[in-house]
């Protein structure tokens, strides 16, 4: 791969997906795109770039998907799901008691482990959510990973990563060498293709947004713009959940971090009035009736 090839790919990936590759990531590009080149009968990255320049849109989309598909696993990092169970849901059950509905968004949902972990967490919550209307929206740039997510089929290796054995037994059925998630849990999740660089106001308002381990690939300006758009689709008393290596500090004042629960963020009151009856601050521990 020549320096000019790499610069072309860097520019294209930033425009199409927001991925901001540093100058020393040629090895990553080669490792992910050489298999794409070989599948299409091309000798290497240079030929791949030449074909993309000629207007091969399907190939360009395949390249973007190959570069933006990231690793994921069930209940990744665990702590955000503990926060969901111990603090976020109890507070929302109180503040949403009249409407009895919740909307949760898993942005950059990849092959489905995150939205399905959320769904299992809600299902395990018990009678407190009985009769509630629950919507979990899973979005990703890649249609390929969304199709895998919809199928709910996972290898032995995938179900062994982060998934408690009791949930595997309860919600999965073994089909030969793979495991399929129950139709009940799969039915809790709606899948939509979405590019975070574009407007997503059509998704509506959410009580909780999981946007983890994706913004780290964007530059500061892009992150700031995405945070502003996230704020517009988050309920005034809602919660944004970022990855362990991500933060709003130094990027935006639209959100403020929870002082006691790492990775949780709420809209900054200074940027807008908090409504009457809003959920209590997530720094306070609430015990829900089970």
C-alpha atoms as a PDB file:
ATOM      1  CA  UNK A   1       0.000   0.000   0.000  1.00  0.00           C
ATOM      2  CA  UNK A   2       1.458   3.342  -1.045  1.00  0.00           C
ATOM      3  CA  UNK A   3       1.257   6.512   1.062  1.00  0.00           C
ATOM      4  CA  UNK A   4      -1.203   7.947  -1.477  1.00  0.00           C
ATOM      5  CA  UNK A   5      -3.405   4.863  -1.186  1.00  0.00           C
ATOM      6  CA  UNK A   6      -3.439   5.221   2.589  1.00  0.00           C
ATOM      7  CA  UNK A   7      -4.322   8.916   2.451  1.00  0.00           C
ATOM      8  CA  UNK A   8      -7.182   8.173   0.052  1.00  0.00           C
ATOM      9  CA  UNK A   9      -8.539   5.525   2.433  1.00  0.00           C
ATOM     10  CA  UNK A  10      -8.138   7.769   5.485  1.00  0.00           C
ATOM     11  CA  UNK A  11     -10.116  10.557   3.819  1.00  0.00           C
ATOM     12  CA  UNK A  12     -12.817   8.243   2.507  1.00  0.00           C
ATOM     13  CA  UNK A  13     -13.304   6.478   5.847  1.00  0.00           C
ATOM     14  CA  UNK A  14     -13.570   9.765   7.728  1.00  0.00           C
ATOM     15  CA  UNK A  15     -16.153  11.114   5.274  1.00  0.00           C
ATOM     16  CA  UNK A  16     -18.236   7.926   5.194  1.00  0.00           C
ATOM     17  CA  UNK A  17     -18.031   6.732   8.792  1.00  0.00           C
ATOM     18  CA  UNK A  18     -16.240   9.306  10.941  1.00  0.00           C
ATOM     19  CA  UNK A  19     -13.358   6.882  11.514  1.00  0.00           C
ATOM     20  CA  UNK A  20     -10.280   9.017  12.191  1.00  0.00           C
ATOM     21  CA  UNK A  21      -7.190   6.931  11.432  1.00  0.00           C
ATOM     22  CA  UNK A  22      -3.817   8.203  12.601  1.00  0.00           C
ATOM     23  CA  UNK A  23      -0.828   8.131  10.271  1.00  0.00           C
ATOM     24  CA  UNK A  24       0.544   4.920  11.843  1.00  0.00           C
ATOM     25  CA  UNK A  25      -2.440   2.613  11.277  1.00  0.00           C
ATOM     26  CA  UNK A  26      -1.438   1.197   7.877  1.00  0.00           C
ATOM     27  CA  UNK A  27      -1.080  -2.260   9.435  1.00  0.00           C
ATOM     28  CA  UNK A  28      -4.705  -2.161  10.596  1.00  0.00           C
ATOM     29  CA  UNK A  29      -5.949  -1.122   7.171  1.00  0.00           C
ATOM     30  CA  UNK A  30      -3.945  -3.856   5.454  1.00  0.00           C
ATOM     31  CA  UNK A  31      -5.105  -6.564   7.877  1.00  0.00           C
ATOM     32  CA  UNK A  32      -8.772  -5.706   7.310  1.00  0.00           C
ATOM     33  CA  UNK A  33      -8.755  -4.844   3.618  1.00  0.00           C
ATOM     34  CA  UNK A  34      -6.458  -7.486   2.127  1.00  0.00           C
ATOM     35  CA  UNK A  35      -9.163 -10.162   2.649  1.00  0.00           C
ATOM     36  CA  UNK A  36     -11.644  -7.841   0.873  1.00  0.00           C
ATOM     37  CA  UNK A  37      -9.251  -7.417  -2.043  1.00  0.00           C
ATOM     38  CA  UNK A  38      -8.706 -11.172  -2.346  1.00  0.00           C
ATOM     39  CA  UNK A  39     -12.444 -11.939  -2.234  1.00  0.00           C
ATOM     40  CA  UNK A  40     -12.946  -9.616  -5.190  1.00  0.00           C
ATOM     41  CA  UNK A  41     -10.028 -11.061  -7.177  1.00  0.00           C
ATOM     42  CA  UNK A  42      -7.699  -8.084  -6.698  1.00  0.00           C
ATOM     43  CA  UNK A  43      -3.971  -8.383  -6.095  1.00  0.00           C
ATOM     44  CA  UNK A  44      -3.750  -5.942  -3.202  1.00  0.00           C
ATOM     45  CA  UNK A  45      -4.702  -2.616  -1.635  1.00  0.00           C
ATOM     46  CA  UNK A  46      -3.485  -0.523  -4.581  1.00  0.00           C
ATOM     47  CA  UNK A  47      -5.789  -2.325  -7.010  1.00  0.00           C
ATOM     48  CA  UNK A  48      -8.588  -2.079  -4.449  1.00  0.00           C
ATOM     49  CA  UNK A  49      -8.156   1.691  -4.237  1.00  0.00           C
ATOM     50  CA  UNK A  50      -8.052   2.027  -8.021  1.00  0.00           C
ATOM     51  CA  UNK A  51     -11.324   0.140  -8.381  1.00  0.00           C
ATOM     52  CA  UNK A  52     -12.944   2.277  -5.678  1.00  0.00           C
ATOM     53  CA  UNK A  53     -11.807   5.426  -7.484  1.00  0.00           C
ATOM     54  CA  UNK A  54     -13.486   4.157 -10.638  1.00  0.00           C
ATOM     55  CA  UNK A  55     -16.845   4.344  -8.890  1.00  0.00           C
ATOM     56  CA  UNK A  56     -17.356   0.829  -7.494  1.00  0.00           C
ATOM     57  CA  UNK A  57     -19.864   1.849  -4.823  1.00  0.00           C
ATOM     58  CA  UNK A  58     -20.625  -1.686  -3.618  1.00  0.00           C
ATOM     59  CA  UNK A  59     -16.924  -2.309  -3.073  1.00  0.00           C
ATOM     60  CA  UNK A  60     -16.570   1.019  -1.254  1.00  0.00           C
ATOM     61  CA  UNK A  61     -19.409   0.056   1.089  1.00  0.00           C
ATOM     62  CA  UNK A  62     -17.718  -3.298   1.733  1.00  0.00           C
ATOM     63  CA  UNK A  63     -14.456  -1.517   2.589  1.00  0.00           C
ATOM     64  CA  UNK A  64     -16.240   0.815   5.033  1.00  0.00           C
ATOM     65  CA  UNK A  65     -17.966  -2.154   6.692  1.00  0.00           C
ATOM     66  CA  UNK A  66     -14.687  -4.055   7.003  1.00  0.00           C
ATOM     67  CA  UNK A  67     -13.014  -1.088   8.700  1.00  0.00           C
ATOM     68  CA  UNK A  68     -15.838  -0.186  11.068  1.00  0.00           C
ATOM     69  CA  UNK A  69     -16.881  -3.619  12.350  1.00  0.00           C
ATOM     70  CA  UNK A  70     -15.533  -3.816  15.890  1.00  0.00           C
ATOM     71  CA  UNK A  71     -15.285  -6.451  18.572  1.00  0.00           C
ATOM     72  CA  UNK A  72     -18.143  -6.899  21.001  1.00  0.00           C
ATOM     73  CA  UNK A  73     -19.359  -9.430  23.541  1.00  0.00           C
ATOM     74  CA  UNK A  74     -22.236 -10.013  25.956  1.00  0.00           C
ATOM     75  CA  UNK A  75     -22.394  -7.743  29.032  1.00  0.00           C
ATOM     76  CA  UNK A  76     -19.173  -6.064  27.930  1.00  0.00           C
ATOM     77  CA  UNK A  77     -17.439  -4.279  30.837  1.00  0.00           C
ATOM     78  CA  UNK A  78     -20.296  -5.427  33.141  1.00  0.00           C
ATOM     79  CA  UNK A  79     -20.431  -2.138  35.122  1.00  0.00           C
ATOM     80  CA  UNK A  80     -22.860  -0.305  32.775  1.00  0.00           C
ATOM     81  CA  UNK A  81     -25.311  -3.190  33.096  1.00  0.00           C
ATOM     82  CA  UNK A  82     -24.978  -3.114  36.887  1.00  0.00           C
ATOM     83  CA  UNK A  83     -25.771   0.614  36.734  1.00  0.00           C
ATOM     84  CA  UNK A  84     -28.763  -0.091  34.499  1.00  0.00           C
ATOM     85  CA  UNK A  85     -30.142  -2.617  36.977  1.00  0.00           C
ATOM     86  CA  UNK A  86     -29.273  -0.874  40.252  1.00  0.00           C
ATOM     87  CA  UNK A  87     -29.782   2.826  39.493  1.00  0.00           C
ATOM     88  CA  UNK A  88     -31.191   3.685  36.079  1.00  0.00           C
ATOM     89  CA  UNK A  89     -34.165   1.328  35.971  1.00  0.00           C
ATOM     90  CA  UNK A  90     -35.363   2.018  39.552  1.00  0.00           C
ATOM     91  CA  UNK A  91     -35.286   5.766  38.868  1.00  0.00           C
ATOM     92  CA  UNK A  92     -37.102   5.413  35.544  1.00  0.00           C
ATOM     93  CA  UNK A  93     -39.742   3.111  37.008  1.00  0.00           C
ATOM     94  CA  UNK A  94     -40.608   5.915  39.415  1.00  0.00           C
ATOM     95  CA  UNK A  95     -40.542   8.743  36.877  1.00  0.00           C
ATOM     96  CA  UNK A  96     -42.329   6.778  34.108  1.00  0.00           C
ATOM     97  CA  UNK A  97     -44.987   5.240  36.356  1.00  0.00           C
ATOM     98  CA  UNK A  98     -47.817   7.042  34.549  1.00  0.00           C
ATOM     99  CA  UNK A  99     -46.851   6.187  30.981  1.00  0.00           C
ATOM    100  CA  UNK A 100     -45.357   2.747  31.777  1.00  0.00           C
ATOM    101  CA  UNK A 101     -43.005   2.694  28.817  1.00  0.00           C
ATOM    102  CA  UNK A 102     -39.243   2.812  28.210  1.00  0.00           C
ATOM    103  CA  UNK A 103     -37.168   3.423  25.094  1.00  0.00           C
ATOM    104  CA  UNK A 104     -33.495   2.418  25.000  1.00  0.00           C
ATOM    105  CA  UNK A 105     -31.073   2.928  22.105  1.00  0.00           C
ATOM    106  CA  UNK A 106     -27.980   0.804  21.484  1.00  0.00           C
ATOM    107  CA  UNK A 107     -25.922   2.855  19.025  1.00  0.00           C
ATOM    108  CA  UNK A 108     -23.209   1.025  17.045  1.00  0.00           C
ATOM    109  CA  UNK A 109     -24.777  -2.248  18.150  1.00  0.00           C
ATOM    110  CA  UNK A 110     -22.614  -4.479  15.944  1.00  0.00           C
ATOM    111  CA  UNK A 111     -23.619  -8.162  16.013  1.00  0.00           C
ATOM    112  CA  UNK A 112     -26.180  -7.664  18.774  1.00  0.00           C
ATOM    113  CA  UNK A 113     -24.508  -8.646  22.019  1.00  0.00           C
ATOM    114  CA  UNK A 114     -25.115  -5.224  23.610  1.00  0.00           C
ATOM    115  CA  UNK A 115     -28.830  -4.762  22.782  1.00  0.00           C
ATOM    116  CA  UNK A 116     -29.541  -8.392  23.670  1.00  0.00           C
ATOM    117  CA  UNK A 117     -27.679  -7.972  26.974  1.00  0.00           C
ATOM    118  CA  UNK A 118     -29.928  -4.980  27.658  1.00  0.00           C
ATOM    119  CA  UNK A 119     -33.000  -7.038  26.750  1.00  0.00           C
ATOM    120  CA  UNK A 120     -31.987  -9.888  29.079  1.00  0.00           C
ATOM    121  CA  UNK A 121     -31.253  -7.392  31.849  1.00  0.00           C
ATOM    122  CA  UNK A 122     -34.770  -5.947  31.511  1.00  0.00           C
ATOM    123  CA  UNK A 123     -36.368  -9.378  31.308  1.00  0.00           C
ATOM    124  CA  UNK A 124     -34.501 -10.422  34.470  1.00  0.00           C
ATOM    125  CA  UNK A 125     -35.677  -7.322  36.311  1.00  0.00           C
ATOM    126  CA  UNK A 126     -38.903  -9.045  37.249  1.00  0.00           C
ATOM    127  CA  UNK A 127     -42.458  -7.919  38.056  1.00  0.00           C
ATOM    128  CA  UNK A 128     -41.544  -4.225  38.382  1.00  0.00           C
ATOM    129  CA  UNK A 129     -41.621  -3.942  34.563  1.00  0.00           C
ATOM    130  CA  UNK A 130     -44.558  -6.285  34.004  1.00  0.00           C
ATOM    131  CA  UNK A 131     -47.024  -4.742  31.566  1.00  0.00           C
ATOM    132  CA  UNK A 132     -44.630  -2.005  30.463  1.00  0.00           C
ATOM    133  CA  UNK A 133     -44.029  -1.224  26.796  1.00  0.00           C
ATOM    134  CA  UNK A 134     -40.300  -1.715  26.195  1.00  0.00           C
ATOM    135  CA  UNK A 135     -38.553  -0.588  22.999  1.00  0.00           C
ATOM    136  CA  UNK A 136     -34.882  -1.353  22.379  1.00  0.00           C
ATOM    137  CA  UNK A 137     -33.538   0.105  19.142  1.00  0.00           C
ATOM    138  CA  UNK A 138     -30.257  -1.303  17.806  1.00  0.00           C
ATOM    139  CA  UNK A 139     -28.463   0.648  15.079  1.00  0.00           C
ATOM    140  CA  UNK A 140     -25.245   0.164  13.180  1.00  0.00           C
ATOM    141  CA  UNK A 141     -23.591   1.438  10.024  1.00  0.00           C
ATOM    142  CA  UNK A 142     -23.092  -2.118   8.757  1.00  0.00           C
ATOM    143  CA  UNK A 143     -26.083  -3.968   7.340  1.00  0.00           C
ATOM    144  CA  UNK A 144     -24.076  -7.187   7.495  1.00  0.00           C
ATOM    145  CA  UNK A 145     -23.698  -7.131  11.277  1.00  0.00           C
ATOM    146  CA  UNK A 146     -27.339  -6.112  11.700  1.00  0.00           C
ATOM    147  CA  UNK A 147     -28.415  -9.216   9.768  1.00  0.00           C
ATOM    148  CA  UNK A 148     -26.278 -11.383  12.044  1.00  0.00           C
ATOM    149  CA  UNK A 149     -27.810  -9.674  15.051  1.00  0.00           C
ATOM    150  CA  UNK A 150     -31.356 -10.270  13.804  1.00  0.00           C
ATOM    151  CA  UNK A 151     -30.650 -13.992  13.445  1.00  0.00           C
ATOM    152  CA  UNK A 152     -29.468 -14.205  17.065  1.00  0.00           C
ATOM    153  CA  UNK A 153     -27.048 -17.042  16.242  1.00  0.00           C
ATOM    154  CA  UNK A 154     -23.766 -17.153  18.158  1.00  0.00           C
ATOM    155  CA  UNK A 155     -20.813 -19.518  18.266  1.00  0.00           C
ATOM    156  CA  UNK A 156     -19.661 -21.354  21.377  1.00  0.00           C
ATOM    157  CA  UNK A 157     -16.817 -18.844  21.652  1.00  0.00           C
ATOM    158  CA  UNK A 158     -19.221 -15.883  21.493  1.00  0.00           C
ATOM    159  CA  UNK A 159     -21.588 -17.163  24.180  1.00  0.00           C
ATOM    160  CA  UNK A 160     -18.657 -17.933  26.475  1.00  0.00           C
ATOM    161  CA  UNK A 161     -17.545 -14.283  26.449  1.00  0.00           C
ATOM    162  CA  UNK A 162     -19.335 -12.383  29.220  1.00  0.00           C
ATOM    163  CA  UNK A 163     -22.609 -14.318  29.180  1.00  0.00           C
ATOM    164  CA  UNK A 164     -23.488 -15.864  32.578  1.00  0.00           C
ATOM    165  CA  UNK A 165     -24.176 -19.581  32.295  1.00  0.00           C
ATOM    166  CA  UNK A 166     -27.644 -19.223  33.844  1.00  0.00           C
ATOM    167  CA  UNK A 167     -28.671 -16.796  31.092  1.00  0.00           C
ATOM    168  CA  UNK A 168     -27.236 -19.059  28.413  1.00  0.00           C
ATOM    169  CA  UNK A 169     -29.338 -21.945  29.695  1.00  0.00           C
ATOM    170  CA  UNK A 170     -32.427 -19.770  30.145  1.00  0.00           C
ATOM    171  CA  UNK A 171     -32.465 -17.815  26.900  1.00  0.00           C
ATOM    172  CA  UNK A 172     -30.493 -19.837  24.318  1.00  0.00           C
ATOM    173  CA  UNK A 173     -31.042 -23.106  22.472  1.00  0.00           C
ATOM    174  CA  UNK A 174     -28.124 -25.094  21.088  1.00  0.00           C
ATOM    175  CA  UNK A 175     -28.409 -25.872  17.385  1.00  0.00           C
ATOM    176  CA  UNK A 176     -25.464 -28.066  16.474  1.00  0.00           C
ATOM    177  CA  UNK A 177     -22.337 -25.945  16.860  1.00  0.00           C
ATOM    178  CA  UNK A 178     -24.162 -22.648  17.425  1.00  0.00           C
ATOM    179  CA  UNK A 179     -26.550 -21.190  19.982  1.00  0.00           C
ATOM    180  CA  UNK A 180     -29.718 -19.304  19.094  1.00  0.00           C
ATOM    181  CA  UNK A 181     -31.219 -16.636  21.295  1.00  0.00           C
ATOM    182  CA  UNK A 182     -34.887 -17.092  22.136  1.00  0.00           C
ATOM    183  CA  UNK A 183     -37.491 -15.456  19.921  1.00  0.00           C
ATOM    184  CA  UNK A 184     -38.827 -13.649  22.997  1.00  0.00           C
ATOM    185  CA  UNK A 185     -35.563 -11.758  23.597  1.00  0.00           C
ATOM    186  CA  UNK A 186     -34.935 -11.195  19.888  1.00  0.00           C
ATOM    187  CA  UNK A 187     -38.418  -9.717  19.605  1.00  0.00           C
ATOM    188  CA  UNK A 188     -37.557  -7.014  22.139  1.00  0.00           C
ATOM    189  CA  UNK A 189     -34.990  -5.451  19.764  1.00  0.00           C
ATOM    190  CA  UNK A 190     -35.665  -3.401  16.618  1.00  0.00           C
ATOM    191  CA  UNK A 191     -32.784  -3.179  14.111  1.00  0.00           C
ATOM    192  CA  UNK A 192     -32.096  -0.169  11.887  1.00  0.00           C
ATOM    193  CA  UNK A 193     -29.142   0.803   9.725  1.00  0.00           C
ATOM    194  CA  UNK A 194     -27.814   4.205  10.775  1.00  0.00           C
ATOM    195  CA  UNK A 195     -24.763   6.385  10.295  1.00  0.00           C
ATOM    196  CA  UNK A 196     -24.030   8.430  13.433  1.00  0.00           C
ATOM    197  CA  UNK A 197     -22.579  11.187  11.243  1.00  0.00           C
ATOM    198  CA  UNK A 198     -26.058  11.845   9.839  1.00  0.00           C
ATOM    199  CA  UNK A 199     -29.231  13.191  11.408  1.00  0.00           C
ATOM    200  CA  UNK A 200     -30.979  10.651  13.641  1.00  0.00           C
ATOM    201  CA  UNK A 201     -33.798  12.775  15.061  1.00  0.00           C
ATOM    202  CA  UNK A 202     -36.287  10.508  13.258  1.00  0.00           C
ATOM    203  CA  UNK A 203     -35.544   7.817  15.857  1.00  0.00           C
ATOM    204  CA  UNK A 204     -37.511   9.797  18.450  1.00  0.00           C
ATOM    205  CA  UNK A 205     -36.731  10.308  22.136  1.00  0.00           C
ATOM    206  CA  UNK A 206     -34.962   7.803  24.377  1.00  0.00           C
ATOM    207  CA  UNK A 207     -34.785   7.290  28.134  1.00  0.00           C
ATOM    208  CA  UNK A 208     -31.379   5.605  27.921  1.00  0.00           C
ATOM    209  CA  UNK A 209     -28.741   5.721  25.190  1.00  0.00           C
ATOM    210  CA  UNK A 210     -25.853   3.253  25.082  1.00  0.00           C
ATOM    211  CA  UNK A 211     -23.178   4.784  22.836  1.00  0.00           C
ATOM    212  CA  UNK A 212     -20.110   2.842  23.904  1.00  0.00           C
ATOM    213  CA  UNK A 213     -16.713   2.271  22.334  1.00  0.00           C
ATOM    214  CA  UNK A 214     -17.487   4.040  19.079  1.00  0.00           C
ATOM    215  CA  UNK A 215     -16.749   7.738  19.673  1.00  0.00           C
ATOM    216  CA  UNK A 216     -13.115   6.920  20.467  1.00  0.00           C
ATOM    217  CA  UNK A 217     -12.590   6.524  16.706  1.00  0.00           C
ATOM    218  CA  UNK A 218     -13.761  10.075  15.896  1.00  0.00           C
ATOM    219  CA  UNK A 219     -11.915  13.403  16.092  1.00  0.00           C
ATOM    220  CA  UNK A 220     -12.920  16.023  18.675  1.00  0.00           C
ATOM    221  CA  UNK A 221     -15.055  18.084  16.314  1.00  0.00           C
ATOM    222  CA  UNK A 222     -17.039  15.050  15.170  1.00  0.00           C
ATOM    223  CA  UNK A 223     -17.513  13.871  18.752  1.00  0.00           C
ATOM    224  CA  UNK A 224     -18.846  17.284  19.758  1.00  0.00           C
ATOM    225  CA  UNK A 225     -21.363  17.308  16.903  1.00  0.00           C
ATOM    226  CA  UNK A 226     -22.571  13.803  17.773  1.00  0.00           C
ATOM    227  CA  UNK A 227     -22.973  14.742  21.449  1.00  0.00           C
ATOM    228  CA  UNK A 228     -25.152  17.693  20.437  1.00  0.00           C
ATOM    229  CA  UNK A 229     -27.373  15.425  18.344  1.00  0.00           C
ATOM    230  CA  UNK A 230     -27.526  12.797  21.098  1.00  0.00           C
ATOM    231  CA  UNK A 231     -28.724  15.475  23.500  1.00  0.00           C
ATOM    232  CA  UNK A 232     -31.672  16.242  21.208  1.00  0.00           C
ATOM    233  CA  UNK A 233     -32.947  12.642  21.268  1.00  0.00           C
ATOM    234  CA  UNK A 234     -32.385  12.025  24.995  1.00  0.00           C
ATOM    235  CA  UNK A 235     -35.247  12.692  27.394  1.00  0.00           C
ATOM    236  CA  UNK A 236     -34.464  15.608  29.782  1.00  0.00           C
ATOM    237  CA  UNK A 237     -34.003  13.180  32.678  1.00  0.00           C
ATOM    238  CA  UNK A 238     -32.495  10.405  30.551  1.00  0.00           C
ATOM    239  CA  UNK A 239     -29.069   8.793  30.757  1.00  0.00           C
ATOM    240  CA  UNK A 240     -26.247   8.520  28.223  1.00  0.00           C
ATOM    241  CA  UNK A 241     -23.834   5.626  28.755  1.00  0.00           C
ATOM    242  CA  UNK A 242     -20.349   5.859  27.234  1.00  0.00           C
ATOM    243  CA  UNK A 243     -17.477   3.378  27.132  1.00  0.00           C
ATOM    244  CA  UNK A 244     -14.845   3.162  29.845  1.00  0.00           C
ATOM    245  CA  UNK A 245     -12.288   5.045  27.736  1.00  0.00           C
ATOM    246  CA  UNK A 246     -14.721   7.759  26.636  1.00  0.00           C
ATOM    247  CA  UNK A 247     -15.751  11.051  28.217  1.00  0.00           C
ATOM    248  CA  UNK A 248     -17.455  14.361  27.462  1.00  0.00           C
ATOM    249  CA  UNK A 249     -14.805  16.320  29.370  1.00  0.00           C
ATOM    250  CA  UNK A 250     -13.107  18.888  27.174  1.00  0.00           C
ATOM    251  CA  UNK A 251     -15.489  18.147  24.283  1.00  0.00           C
ATOM    252  CA  UNK A 252     -18.948  19.406  25.264  1.00  0.00           C
ATOM    253  CA  UNK A 253     -20.825  20.923  28.189  1.00  0.00           C
ATOM    254  CA  UNK A 254     -24.121  19.513  26.945  1.00  0.00           C
ATOM    255  CA  UNK A 255     -23.727  16.540  29.298  1.00  0.00           C
ATOM    256  CA  UNK A 256     -22.453  16.230  32.842  1.00  0.00           C
ATOM    257  CA  UNK A 257     -20.913  13.056  34.270  1.00  0.00           C
ATOM    258  CA  UNK A 258     -22.416  11.220  37.216  1.00  0.00           C
ATOM    259  CA  UNK A 259     -20.197  11.832  40.233  1.00  0.00           C
ATOM    260  CA  UNK A 260     -20.625   8.351  41.649  1.00  0.00           C
ATOM    261  CA  UNK A 261     -21.305   6.094  38.670  1.00  0.00           C
ATOM    262  CA  UNK A 262     -18.545   5.968  36.078  1.00  0.00           C
ATOM    263  CA  UNK A 263     -19.601   6.100  32.455  1.00  0.00           C
ATOM    264  CA  UNK A 264     -23.042   7.629  33.053  1.00  0.00           C
ATOM    265  CA  UNK A 265     -23.973  11.102  31.812  1.00  0.00           C
ATOM    266  CA  UNK A 266     -27.068  13.282  32.036  1.00  0.00           C
ATOM    267  CA  UNK A 267     -28.036  16.498  30.305  1.00  0.00           C
ATOM    268  CA  UNK A 268     -26.422  19.512  31.902  1.00  0.00           C
ATOM    269  CA  UNK A 269     -29.163  21.492  33.742  1.00  0.00           C
ATOM    270  CA  UNK A 270     -27.372  24.684  32.772  1.00  0.00           C
ATOM    271  CA  UNK A 271     -28.243  23.929  29.148  1.00  0.00           C
ATOM    272  CA  UNK A 272     -31.968  23.520  29.831  1.00  0.00           C
ATOM    273  CA  UNK A 273     -34.495  23.269  32.648  1.00  0.00           C
ATOM    274  CA  UNK A 274     -35.096  19.860  34.235  1.00  0.00           C
ATOM    275  CA  UNK A 275     -38.817  19.005  34.230  1.00  0.00           C
ATOM    276  CA  UNK A 276     -40.935  18.505  37.303  1.00  0.00           C
ATOM    277  CA  UNK A 277     -41.002  14.844  38.314  1.00  0.00           C
ATOM    278  CA  UNK A 278     -37.639  14.063  36.725  1.00  0.00           C
ATOM    279  CA  UNK A 279     -35.765  10.948  37.776  1.00  0.00           C
ATOM    280  CA  UNK A 280     -33.519  11.316  40.779  1.00  0.00           C
ATOM    281  CA  UNK A 281     -29.771  11.843  40.253  1.00  0.00           C
ATOM    282  CA  UNK A 282     -27.963   8.610  39.527  1.00  0.00           C
ATOM    283  CA  UNK A 283     -25.501   9.240  42.332  1.00  0.00           C
ATOM    284  CA  UNK A 284     -28.254   8.113  44.723  1.00  0.00           C
ATOM    285  CA  UNK A 285     -28.793   4.422  45.247  1.00  0.00           C
ATOM    286  CA  UNK A 286     -32.360   3.177  44.922  1.00  0.00           C
ATOM    287  CA  UNK A 287     -33.603  -0.238  45.926  1.00  0.00           C
ATOM    288  CA  UNK A 288     -36.411  -1.533  43.737  1.00  0.00           C
ATOM    289  CA  UNK A 289     -39.140  -3.865  44.886  1.00  0.00           C
ATOM    290  CA  UNK A 290     -38.584  -7.306  43.375  1.00  0.00           C
END
